[in-house]
Amino acid sequence: MTNSNQPMDDIAEKIAGGIRMLGGLKQGAETQVRSIVEGALSQFDVVTHERMQVQEALLSKARDELAALEARIAELEAQLKNLSK
């Protein structure tokens, strides 16, 4: 029984070894591609996602503050208009 399963076991072992090798190649390729892309992007003025989120939050806060100031100015102008009557 052992002898009849031996060729199948050998084939299965070779296939498993090939799959492991492909997994290692994939990881190595991903690392190399990431390195190439990061190197290329470092030559450009690129902003990270995290920094972009920070800038968006600051812009949103500035817009809210501007809207509040515009409302306050409109209120003060209305008060001035009433005083001058």
N, C-alpha and C. Protein backbone atom coordinates (compact mmCIF):
# COMPACT_ATOMS: atom_id res chain seq x y z
N MET A 1 0.82 -1.18 0.00
CA MET A 1 0.00 0.00 0.00
C MET A 1 0.86 1.25 0.00
N THR A 2 1.95 1.20 0.75
CA THR A 2 2.83 2.35 0.82
C THR A 2 3.48 2.63 -0.53
N ASN A 3 3.86 1.61 -1.24
CA ASN A 3 4.51 1.79 -2.53
C ASN A 3 3.58 2.38 -3.56
N SER A 4 2.30 2.02 -3.55
CA SER A 4 1.36 2.53 -4.53
C SER A 4 1.03 4.01 -4.28
N ASN A 5 1.13 4.47 -3.06
CA ASN A 5 0.87 5.87 -2.74
C ASN A 5 2.11 6.76 -2.88
N GLN A 6 3.27 6.15 -2.99
CA GLN A 6 4.52 6.90 -3.05
C GLN A 6 4.57 7.87 -4.23
N PRO A 7 4.23 7.47 -5.44
CA PRO A 7 4.27 8.43 -6.55
C PRO A 7 3.32 9.61 -6.34
N MET A 8 2.15 9.35 -5.78
CA MET A 8 1.19 10.42 -5.52
C MET A 8 1.71 11.34 -4.43
N ASP A 9 2.33 10.76 -3.42
CA ASP A 9 2.91 11.58 -2.34
C ASP A 9 4.03 12.45 -2.88
N ASP A 10 4.85 11.90 -3.76
CA ASP A 10 5.95 12.66 -4.35
C ASP A 10 5.42 13.83 -5.19
N ILE A 11 4.38 13.55 -5.97
CA ILE A 11 3.78 14.60 -6.80
C ILE A 11 3.17 15.68 -5.91
N ALA A 12 2.45 15.25 -4.88
CA ALA A 12 1.83 16.22 -3.97
C ALA A 12 2.89 17.06 -3.28
N GLU A 13 4.00 16.44 -2.89
CA GLU A 13 5.08 17.17 -2.23
C GLU A 13 5.72 18.18 -3.19
N LYS A 14 5.91 17.78 -4.44
CA LYS A 14 6.49 18.69 -5.44
C LYS A 14 5.55 19.86 -5.71
N ILE A 15 4.27 19.58 -5.78
CA ILE A 15 3.29 20.66 -6.01
C ILE A 15 3.28 21.62 -4.83
N ALA A 16 3.28 21.07 -3.61
CA ALA A 16 3.29 21.92 -2.42
C ALA A 16 4.55 22.76 -2.37
N GLY A 17 5.69 22.17 -2.73
CA GLY A 17 6.94 22.92 -2.77
C GLY A 17 6.88 24.05 -3.80
N GLY A 18 6.29 23.78 -4.94
CA GLY A 18 6.13 24.81 -5.98
C GLY A 18 5.25 25.94 -5.51
N ILE A 19 4.19 25.60 -4.82
CA ILE A 19 3.27 26.63 -4.31
C ILE A 19 3.98 27.49 -3.27
N ARG A 20 4.75 26.86 -2.38
CA ARG A 20 5.52 27.63 -1.38
C ARG A 20 6.50 28.56 -2.07
N MET A 21 7.17 28.05 -3.12
CA MET A 21 8.13 28.87 -3.85
C MET A 21 7.43 30.06 -4.51
N LEU A 22 6.26 29.82 -5.11
CA LEU A 22 5.51 30.91 -5.74
C LEU A 22 5.09 31.94 -4.70
N GLY A 23 4.70 31.48 -3.50
CA GLY A 23 4.32 32.41 -2.44
C GLY A 23 5.49 33.29 -2.06
N GLY A 24 6.68 32.70 -1.96
CA GLY A 24 7.87 33.48 -1.64
C GLY A 24 8.20 34.46 -2.74
N LEU A 25 8.06 34.03 -3.99
CA LEU A 25 8.31 34.93 -5.12
C LEU A 25 7.32 36.09 -5.13
N LYS A 26 6.07 35.79 -4.82
CA LYS A 26 5.04 36.83 -4.80
C LYS A 26 5.38 37.88 -3.75
N GLN A 27 5.76 37.42 -2.55
CA GLN A 27 6.10 38.36 -1.49
C GLN A 27 7.32 39.20 -1.88
N GLY A 28 8.33 38.55 -2.46
CA GLY A 28 9.52 39.27 -2.90
C GLY A 28 9.19 40.29 -3.98
N ALA A 29 8.32 39.90 -4.91
CA ALA A 29 7.93 40.81 -5.99
C ALA A 29 7.15 41.99 -5.44
N GLU A 30 6.24 41.73 -4.49
CA GLU A 30 5.47 42.83 -3.89
C GLU A 30 6.40 43.81 -3.18
N THR A 31 7.38 43.29 -2.47
CA THR A 31 8.34 44.15 -1.77
C THR A 31 9.13 44.99 -2.77
N GLN A 32 9.56 44.36 -3.85
CA GLN A 32 10.34 45.07 -4.85
C GLN A 32 9.50 46.13 -5.56
N VAL A 33 8.27 45.80 -5.90
CA VAL A 33 7.39 46.78 -6.56
C VAL A 33 7.11 47.94 -5.62
N ARG A 34 6.85 47.65 -4.35
CA ARG A 34 6.61 48.72 -3.37
C ARG A 34 7.82 49.65 -3.28
N SER A 35 8.99 49.07 -3.27
CA SER A 35 10.22 49.86 -3.18
C SER A 35 10.38 50.75 -4.41
N ILE A 36 10.10 50.20 -5.58
CA ILE A 36 10.21 50.98 -6.83
C ILE A 36 9.21 52.12 -6.84
N VAL A 37 7.97 51.83 -6.46
CA VAL A 37 6.92 52.86 -6.45
C VAL A 37 7.24 53.95 -5.43
N GLU A 38 7.67 53.56 -4.23
CA GLU A 38 8.02 54.56 -3.21
C GLU A 38 9.19 55.42 -3.68
N GLY A 39 10.16 54.81 -4.35
CA GLY A 39 11.28 55.58 -4.89
C GLY A 39 10.83 56.57 -5.95
N ALA A 40 9.93 56.13 -6.82
CA ALA A 40 9.42 57.01 -7.87
C ALA A 40 8.60 58.15 -7.27
N LEU A 41 7.76 57.82 -6.29
CA LEU A 41 6.91 58.85 -5.69
C LEU A 41 7.71 59.85 -4.87
N SER A 42 8.85 59.42 -4.35
CA SER A 42 9.66 60.34 -3.55
C SER A 42 10.22 61.47 -4.40
N GLN A 43 10.26 61.29 -5.71
CA GLN A 43 10.75 62.33 -6.61
C GLN A 43 9.69 63.39 -6.89
N PHE A 44 8.46 63.10 -6.55
CA PHE A 44 7.36 64.03 -6.79
C PHE A 44 6.90 64.63 -5.47
N ASP A 45 6.16 65.72 -5.58
CA ASP A 45 5.60 66.37 -4.40
C ASP A 45 4.26 65.71 -4.10
N VAL A 46 4.31 64.56 -3.41
CA VAL A 46 3.12 63.76 -3.14
C VAL A 46 2.81 63.83 -1.64
N VAL A 47 1.54 63.93 -1.33
CA VAL A 47 1.09 64.00 0.06
C VAL A 47 0.53 62.65 0.46
N THR A 48 0.84 62.21 1.67
CA THR A 48 0.31 60.94 2.16
C THR A 48 -1.18 61.10 2.46
N HIS A 49 -1.87 59.98 2.54
CA HIS A 49 -3.30 59.98 2.84
C HIS A 49 -3.55 60.60 4.22
N GLU A 50 -2.70 60.27 5.17
CA GLU A 50 -2.86 60.79 6.53
C GLU A 50 -2.72 62.31 6.54
N ARG A 51 -1.71 62.83 5.85
CA ARG A 51 -1.52 64.30 5.81
C ARG A 51 -2.69 64.97 5.09
N MET A 52 -3.23 64.30 4.07
CA MET A 52 -4.37 64.85 3.34
C MET A 52 -5.58 64.92 4.26
N GLN A 53 -5.80 63.93 5.09
CA GLN A 53 -6.92 63.94 6.03
C GLN A 53 -6.76 65.07 7.03
N VAL A 54 -5.54 65.31 7.50
CA VAL A 54 -5.29 66.40 8.44
C VAL A 54 -5.62 67.73 7.77
N GLN A 55 -5.18 67.91 6.53
CA GLN A 55 -5.44 69.16 5.82
C GLN A 55 -6.94 69.35 5.57
N GLU A 56 -7.65 68.27 5.26
CA GLU A 56 -9.10 68.36 5.05
C GLU A 56 -9.80 68.76 6.34
N ALA A 57 -9.35 68.24 7.47
CA ALA A 57 -9.94 68.60 8.77
C ALA A 57 -9.68 70.07 9.07
N LEU A 58 -8.47 70.53 8.81
CA LEU A 58 -8.16 71.95 9.05
C LEU A 58 -8.99 72.85 8.15
N LEU A 59 -9.15 72.46 6.89
CA LEU A 59 -9.95 73.24 5.96
C LEU A 59 -11.40 73.29 6.40
N SER A 60 -11.93 72.17 6.85
CA SER A 60 -13.31 72.13 7.33
C SER A 60 -13.50 73.05 8.54
N LYS A 61 -12.55 73.02 9.45
CA LYS A 61 -12.61 73.89 10.63
C LYS A 61 -12.55 75.36 10.22
N ALA A 62 -11.67 75.67 9.27
CA ALA A 62 -11.56 77.06 8.81
C ALA A 62 -12.85 77.51 8.13
N ARG A 63 -13.49 76.64 7.37
CA ARG A 63 -14.76 76.98 6.72
C ARG A 63 -15.84 77.25 7.76
N ASP A 64 -15.89 76.42 8.81
CA ASP A 64 -16.88 76.61 9.87
C ASP A 64 -16.65 77.94 10.58
N GLU A 65 -15.38 78.24 10.87
CA GLU A 65 -15.06 79.50 11.53
C GLU A 65 -15.40 80.69 10.64
N LEU A 66 -15.14 80.57 9.34
CA LEU A 66 -15.47 81.65 8.40
C LEU A 66 -16.98 81.87 8.34
N ALA A 67 -17.75 80.80 8.31
CA ALA A 67 -19.21 80.93 8.28
C ALA A 67 -19.71 81.61 9.56
N ALA A 68 -19.12 81.26 10.70
CA ALA A 68 -19.52 81.89 11.96
C ALA A 68 -19.16 83.36 11.96
N LEU A 69 -17.99 83.71 11.44
CA LEU A 69 -17.60 85.12 11.38
C LEU A 69 -18.49 85.91 10.41
N GLU A 70 -18.85 85.30 9.29
CA GLU A 70 -19.74 85.98 8.35
C GLU A 70 -21.10 86.24 8.98
N ALA A 71 -21.60 85.27 9.73
CA ALA A 71 -22.88 85.46 10.42
C ALA A 71 -22.77 86.56 11.46
N ARG A 72 -21.66 86.60 12.18
CA ARG A 72 -21.46 87.63 13.20
C ARG A 72 -21.36 89.02 12.58
N ILE A 73 -20.67 89.11 11.45
CA ILE A 73 -20.56 90.39 10.74
C ILE A 73 -21.92 90.85 10.26
N ALA A 74 -22.71 89.92 9.72
CA ALA A 74 -24.05 90.28 9.25
C ALA A 74 -24.90 90.77 10.41
N GLU A 75 -24.77 90.15 11.56
CA GLU A 75 -25.53 90.57 12.74
C GLU A 75 -25.08 91.96 13.20
N LEU A 76 -23.77 92.18 13.23
CA LEU A 76 -23.26 93.50 13.64
C LEU A 76 -23.66 94.59 12.65
N GLU A 77 -23.65 94.28 11.36
CA GLU A 77 -24.08 95.25 10.36
C GLU A 77 -25.55 95.59 10.54
N ALA A 78 -26.37 94.58 10.86
CA ALA A 78 -27.79 94.82 11.09
C ALA A 78 -27.97 95.71 12.32
N GLN A 79 -27.18 95.49 13.37
CA GLN A 79 -27.28 96.33 14.57
C GLN A 79 -26.85 97.77 14.25
N LEU A 80 -25.80 97.93 13.47
CA LEU A 80 -25.36 99.28 13.08
C LEU A 80 -26.44 100.00 12.26
N LYS A 81 -27.06 99.24 11.38
CA LYS A 81 -28.10 99.81 10.56
C LYS A 81 -29.26 100.29 11.44
N ASN A 82 -29.64 99.51 12.45
CA ASN A 82 -30.72 99.89 13.36
C ASN A 82 -30.33 101.09 14.21
N LEU A 83 -29.09 101.20 14.59
CA LEU A 83 -28.63 102.33 15.40
C LEU A 83 -28.61 103.63 14.58
N SER A 84 -28.31 103.53 13.33
CA SER A 84 -28.21 104.74 12.51
C SER A 84 -29.59 105.26 12.09
N LYS A 85 -30.65 104.52 12.32
CA LYS A 85 -32.00 104.98 11.96
C LYS A 85 -32.52 105.92 12.96
